Amino acid sequence: MTKMTEATYFILAALLDAPLHGYGIIKRAGEQSAGRVKLAVGTLYGALDRLTEAGLVVLDREEVVDGRPRRYYRITDDGVTAVREEAVRLQQAARVVTGQIAVVGA
């Protein structure tokens, strides 16, 4: 995976601390992005399917809560590498702009 979308970035970032279920991922991604990322359920599960196929996340476990299945997802080592590489890419891109701003004096 080369450049990733902001939603994908925050889905992976949400899973760095511990496995989460869908609503937990939606909530955590929203918190970590300061509200910029608002994942719809369908968008989240489509992204999780793609991330699973890419080997970046795996299904950690399933449990039934109030008669409904709850799936917990876990980031893989490849997922950690991918989100780390994207964070570095974003830092480098930001440094270009912040460096120019410092030179211009704005």
C-alpha atoms as a PDB file:
ATOM      1  CA  MET A   1       0.000   0.000   0.000  1.00  0.00           C
ATOM      2  CA  THR A   2       1.469   3.357  -1.014  1.00  0.00           C
ATOM      3  CA  LYS A   3      -0.359   6.551  -0.044  1.00  0.00           C
ATOM      4  CA  MET A   4      -3.433   5.823   2.061  1.00  0.00           C
ATOM      5  CA  THR A   5      -6.620   7.754   2.609  1.00  0.00           C
ATOM      6  CA  GLU A   6      -7.113   9.698   5.806  1.00  0.00           C
ATOM      7  CA  ALA A   7      -9.877   7.272   6.827  1.00  0.00           C
ATOM      8  CA  THR A   8      -7.598   4.255   6.342  1.00  0.00           C
ATOM      9  CA  TYR A   9      -4.811   5.981   8.252  1.00  0.00           C
ATOM     10  CA  PHE A  10      -7.072   6.626  11.244  1.00  0.00           C
ATOM     11  CA  ILE A  11      -8.619   3.140  11.136  1.00  0.00           C
ATOM     12  CA  LEU A  12      -5.135   1.652  11.441  1.00  0.00           C
ATOM     13  CA  ALA A  13      -4.130   4.232  14.051  1.00  0.00           C
ATOM     14  CA  ALA A  14      -7.230   3.372  16.106  1.00  0.00           C
ATOM     15  CA  LEU A  15      -6.068  -0.235  16.297  1.00  0.00           C
ATOM     16  CA  LEU A  16      -2.515   0.500  17.485  1.00  0.00           C
ATOM     17  CA  ASP A  17      -3.346   0.263  21.201  1.00  0.00           C
ATOM     18  CA  ALA A  18      -5.617  -2.775  21.241  1.00  0.00           C
ATOM     19  CA  PRO A  19      -8.165  -4.710  19.175  1.00  0.00           C
ATOM     20  CA  LEU A  20     -11.470  -2.879  18.741  1.00  0.00           C
ATOM     21  CA  HIS A  21     -14.929  -3.660  17.395  1.00  0.00           C
ATOM     22  CA  GLY A  22     -16.552  -1.579  14.667  1.00  0.00           C
ATOM     23  CA  TYR A  23     -18.145   1.079  16.856  1.00  0.00           C
ATOM     24  CA  GLY A  24     -14.931   1.332  18.885  1.00  0.00           C
ATOM     25  CA  ILE A  25     -12.949   1.960  15.686  1.00  0.00           C
ATOM     26  CA  ILE A  26     -15.439   4.616  14.531  1.00  0.00           C
ATOM     27  CA  LYS A  27     -15.297   6.377  17.902  1.00  0.00           C
ATOM     28  CA  ARG A  28     -11.497   6.179  18.246  1.00  0.00           C
ATOM     29  CA  ALA A  29     -10.834   7.345  14.658  1.00  0.00           C
ATOM     30  CA  GLY A  30     -13.111  10.322  15.272  1.00  0.00           C
ATOM     31  CA  GLU A  31     -11.287  11.190  18.497  1.00  0.00           C
ATOM     32  CA  GLN A  32      -7.805  10.799  17.019  1.00  0.00           C
ATOM     33  CA  SER A  33      -8.680  12.914  13.978  1.00  0.00           C
ATOM     34  CA  ALA A  34     -10.261  15.667  16.089  1.00  0.00           C
ATOM     35  CA  GLY A  35     -13.603  14.894  14.440  1.00  0.00           C
ATOM     36  CA  ARG A  36     -12.385  15.124  10.821  1.00  0.00           C
ATOM     37  CA  VAL A  37     -12.922  11.416  10.154  1.00  0.00           C
ATOM     38  CA  LYS A  38     -16.580  10.441  10.444  1.00  0.00           C
ATOM     39  CA  LEU A  39     -16.828   6.823   9.332  1.00  0.00           C
ATOM     40  CA  ALA A  40     -20.154   5.408   8.223  1.00  0.00           C
ATOM     41  CA  VAL A  41     -20.654   1.757   9.152  1.00  0.00           C
ATOM     42  CA  GLY A  42     -20.645   0.612   5.517  1.00  0.00           C
ATOM     43  CA  THR A  43     -17.497   2.591   4.787  1.00  0.00           C
ATOM     44  CA  LEU A  44     -15.753   1.122   7.832  1.00  0.00           C
ATOM     45  CA  TYR A  45     -16.556  -2.500   7.017  1.00  0.00           C
ATOM     46  CA  GLY A  46     -15.614  -2.033   3.359  1.00  0.00           C
ATOM     47  CA  ALA A  47     -12.274  -0.593   4.487  1.00  0.00           C
ATOM     48  CA  LEU A  48     -11.778  -3.404   7.025  1.00  0.00           C
ATOM     49  CA  ASP A  49     -12.412  -5.976   4.269  1.00  0.00           C
ATOM     50  CA  ARG A  50      -9.772  -4.301   2.064  1.00  0.00           C
ATOM     51  CA  LEU A  51      -7.315  -3.995   4.955  1.00  0.00           C
ATOM     52  CA  THR A  52      -7.862  -7.653   5.837  1.00  0.00           C
ATOM     53  CA  GLU A  53      -7.231  -8.696   2.226  1.00  0.00           C
ATOM     54  CA  ALA A  54      -4.046  -6.604   2.244  1.00  0.00           C
ATOM     55  CA  GLY A  55      -2.891  -8.311   5.457  1.00  0.00           C
ATOM     56  CA  LEU A  56      -2.913  -5.082   7.481  1.00  0.00           C
ATOM     57  CA  VAL A  57      -5.635  -6.138   9.928  1.00  0.00           C
ATOM     58  CA  VAL A  58      -7.051  -9.474  11.048  1.00  0.00           C
ATOM     59  CA  LEU A  59     -10.194 -10.551  12.826  1.00  0.00           C
ATOM     60  CA  ASP A  60      -9.088 -10.939  16.443  1.00  0.00           C
ATOM     61  CA  ARG A  61     -12.233 -12.465  17.925  1.00  0.00           C
ATOM     62  CA  GLU A  62     -16.014 -12.485  17.789  1.00  0.00           C
ATOM     63  CA  GLU A  63     -18.423 -12.308  20.676  1.00  0.00           C
ATOM     64  CA  VAL A  64     -22.182 -11.966  20.978  1.00  0.00           C
ATOM     65  CA  VAL A  65     -23.450  -8.925  22.872  1.00  0.00           C
ATOM     66  CA  ASP A  66     -27.209  -8.494  23.329  1.00  0.00           C
ATOM     67  CA  GLY A  67     -27.793 -11.171  20.707  1.00  0.00           C
ATOM     68  CA  ARG A  68     -25.673  -9.379  18.092  1.00  0.00           C
ATOM     69  CA  PRO A  69     -22.260 -10.469  16.858  1.00  0.00           C
ATOM     70  CA  ARG A  70     -19.400  -8.101  17.654  1.00  0.00           C
ATOM     71  CA  ARG A  71     -16.178  -8.550  15.690  1.00  0.00           C
ATOM     72  CA  TYR A  72     -12.908  -7.258  17.085  1.00  0.00           C
ATOM     73  CA  TYR A  73     -10.122  -6.370  14.663  1.00  0.00           C
ATOM     74  CA  ARG A  74      -6.392  -6.274  15.369  1.00  0.00           C
ATOM     75  CA  ILE A  75      -3.638  -4.528  13.423  1.00  0.00           C
ATOM     76  CA  THR A  76      -0.904  -6.821  12.060  1.00  0.00           C
ATOM     77  CA  ASP A  77       2.833  -6.165  11.998  1.00  0.00           C
ATOM     78  CA  ASP A  78       2.443  -5.199   8.327  1.00  0.00           C
ATOM     79  CA  GLY A  79      -0.333  -2.809   9.331  1.00  0.00           C
ATOM     80  CA  VAL A  80       1.896  -1.175  11.946  1.00  0.00           C
ATOM     81  CA  THR A  81       4.625  -0.790   9.328  1.00  0.00           C
ATOM     82  CA  ALA A  82       2.175   0.713   6.811  1.00  0.00           C
ATOM     83  CA  VAL A  83       0.721   3.283   9.226  1.00  0.00           C
ATOM     84  CA  ARG A  84       4.221   4.166  10.491  1.00  0.00           C
ATOM     85  CA  GLU A  85       5.453   4.708   6.909  1.00  0.00           C
ATOM     86  CA  GLU A  86       2.428   6.886   6.170  1.00  0.00           C
ATOM     87  CA  ALA A  87       3.068   8.937   9.327  1.00  0.00           C
ATOM     88  CA  VAL A  88       6.670   9.511   8.217  1.00  0.00           C
ATOM     89  CA  ARG A  89       5.497  10.481   4.713  1.00  0.00           C
ATOM     90  CA  LEU A  90       3.050  12.996   6.201  1.00  0.00           C
ATOM     91  CA  GLN A  91       5.742  14.427   8.498  1.00  0.00           C
ATOM     92  CA  GLN A  92       8.124  14.881   5.574  1.00  0.00           C
ATOM     93  CA  ALA A  93       5.420  16.604   3.518  1.00  0.00           C
ATOM     94  CA  ALA A  94       4.560  18.913   6.421  1.00  0.00           C
ATOM     95  CA  ARG A  95       8.238  19.791   6.926  1.00  0.00           C
ATOM     96  CA  VAL A  96       8.433  21.115   3.363  1.00  0.00           C
ATOM     97  CA  VAL A  97       5.691  23.619   4.076  1.00  0.00           C
ATOM     98  CA  THR A  98       6.694  24.505   7.622  1.00  0.00           C
ATOM     99  CA  GLY A  99      10.290  24.978   6.444  1.00  0.00           C
ATOM    100  CA  GLN A 100       9.176  27.380   3.717  1.00  0.00           C
ATOM    101  CA  ILE A 101       6.975  29.274   6.144  1.00  0.00           C
ATOM    102  CA  ALA A 102       9.936  29.697   8.516  1.00  0.00           C
ATOM    103  CA  VAL A 103      12.096  31.075   5.663  1.00  0.00           C
ATOM    104  CA  VAL A 104       9.400  33.477   4.452  1.00  0.00           C
ATOM    105  CA  GLY A 105       8.717  34.573   8.013  1.00  0.00           C
ATOM    106  CA  ALA A 106       4.980  34.078   7.907  1.00  0.00           C
END
